[in-house]
């Protein structure tokens, strides 16, 4: 599904292991739905373990999003228990 908030659309959130390493990232897409540039976009994802118990947060940052552009985010996950990620918040530096 897709989440729409603050003039952004967030979709396709999943966890991806990096082949040959122990690194795990939460990946997905953010679209700027508005007609304005967005500056300092901060994405926050809530992480959950296999029992759906909160297991921390993952964050990513994009300094500039042009109108209508897509950002393929890649947020490093430091919590080894994390099994799923869900959209939590997206903000813009004013």
Protein backbone atom coordinates (compact mmCIF):
# COMPACT_ATOMS: atom_id res chain seq x y z
CA UNK A 1 0.00 0.00 0.00
CA UNK A 2 0.86 3.63 -0.25
CA UNK A 3 0.83 6.22 2.54
CA UNK A 4 0.12 9.84 1.63
CA UNK A 5 0.97 12.61 4.07
CA UNK A 6 2.50 16.10 4.08
CA UNK A 7 2.46 16.18 0.27
CA UNK A 8 4.49 12.98 0.01
CA UNK A 9 3.60 9.42 -1.00
CA UNK A 10 5.53 6.59 0.66
CA UNK A 11 5.36 3.06 -0.77
CA UNK A 12 7.06 -0.30 -1.13
CA UNK A 13 8.75 -0.44 2.27
CA UNK A 14 10.71 -3.66 2.74
CA UNK A 15 13.81 -5.00 4.47
CA UNK A 16 16.77 -5.89 2.29
CA UNK A 17 19.84 -7.80 3.37
CA UNK A 18 23.09 -6.81 1.69
CA UNK A 19 24.57 -9.91 -0.01
CA UNK A 20 27.82 -11.05 1.59
CA UNK A 21 27.41 -8.90 4.69
CA UNK A 22 25.29 -8.56 7.81
CA UNK A 23 23.94 -5.13 6.83
CA UNK A 24 20.18 -4.75 6.55
CA UNK A 25 18.40 -1.75 5.06
CA UNK A 26 14.79 -0.64 4.92
CA UNK A 27 14.11 0.41 1.34
CA UNK A 28 11.21 1.93 -0.52
CA UNK A 29 10.08 4.98 -2.47
CA UNK A 30 9.05 8.49 -1.52
CA UNK A 31 7.35 10.71 -4.13
CA UNK A 32 7.04 14.47 -3.89
CA UNK A 33 3.40 14.99 -4.86
CA UNK A 34 3.49 18.77 -4.70
CA UNK A 35 4.60 21.47 -7.09
CA UNK A 36 7.35 22.76 -4.79
CA UNK A 37 10.89 21.75 -4.04
CA UNK A 38 11.21 20.11 -0.62
CA UNK A 39 14.36 20.69 1.38
CA UNK A 40 15.92 18.50 4.07
CA UNK A 41 13.38 15.68 3.92
CA UNK A 42 13.65 13.35 6.94
CA UNK A 43 11.99 9.94 6.79
CA UNK A 44 11.42 7.87 9.91
CA UNK A 45 10.42 4.21 9.93
CA UNK A 46 9.21 2.18 12.90
CA UNK A 47 10.78 -1.27 13.20
CA UNK A 48 9.10 -4.38 14.61
CA UNK A 49 10.37 -7.85 15.48
CA UNK A 50 8.78 -11.14 14.42
CA UNK A 51 6.23 -10.85 17.27
CA UNK A 52 5.22 -7.34 16.11
CA UNK A 53 6.90 -5.78 19.16
CA UNK A 54 8.58 -2.39 18.51
CA UNK A 55 12.29 -2.84 17.79
CA UNK A 56 13.55 0.69 17.23
CA UNK A 57 13.58 3.15 14.34
CA UNK A 58 15.42 3.63 11.07
CA UNK A 59 15.95 7.01 9.41
CA UNK A 60 17.04 8.39 6.08
CA UNK A 61 17.54 11.91 4.77
CA UNK A 62 17.30 13.58 1.38
CA UNK A 63 18.63 17.16 1.09
CA UNK A 64 16.45 18.13 -1.90
CA UNK A 65 13.41 16.72 -3.70
CA UNK A 66 12.27 18.34 -6.93
CA UNK A 67 8.52 18.59 -7.69
CA UNK A 68 7.16 15.20 -8.80
CA UNK A 69 10.46 13.45 -8.16
CA UNK A 70 10.99 10.03 -6.58
CA UNK A 71 13.50 9.17 -3.88
CA UNK A 72 14.56 5.54 -3.44
CA UNK A 73 15.41 5.59 0.24
CA UNK A 74 17.77 3.17 1.98
CA UNK A 75 17.72 3.39 5.77
CA UNK A 76 20.33 1.37 7.64
CA UNK A 77 18.84 -0.89 10.32
CA UNK A 78 21.02 -1.33 13.40
CA UNK A 79 18.58 -3.47 15.41
CA UNK A 80 19.22 -7.15 14.69
CA UNK A 81 15.72 -8.13 15.92
CA UNK A 82 13.95 -6.00 13.32
CA UNK A 83 11.81 -8.11 10.97
CA UNK A 84 9.51 -5.49 9.44
CA UNK A 85 9.46 -1.73 8.94
CA UNK A 86 6.50 0.63 8.70
CA UNK A 87 6.19 4.27 7.81
CA UNK A 88 6.28 6.45 10.92
CA UNK A 89 6.88 10.09 9.94
CA UNK A 90 8.21 12.36 7.22
CA UNK A 91 9.29 15.94 7.84
CA UNK A 92 10.93 18.77 5.99
CA UNK A 93 13.46 21.27 7.36
CA UNK A 94 11.93 24.71 7.01
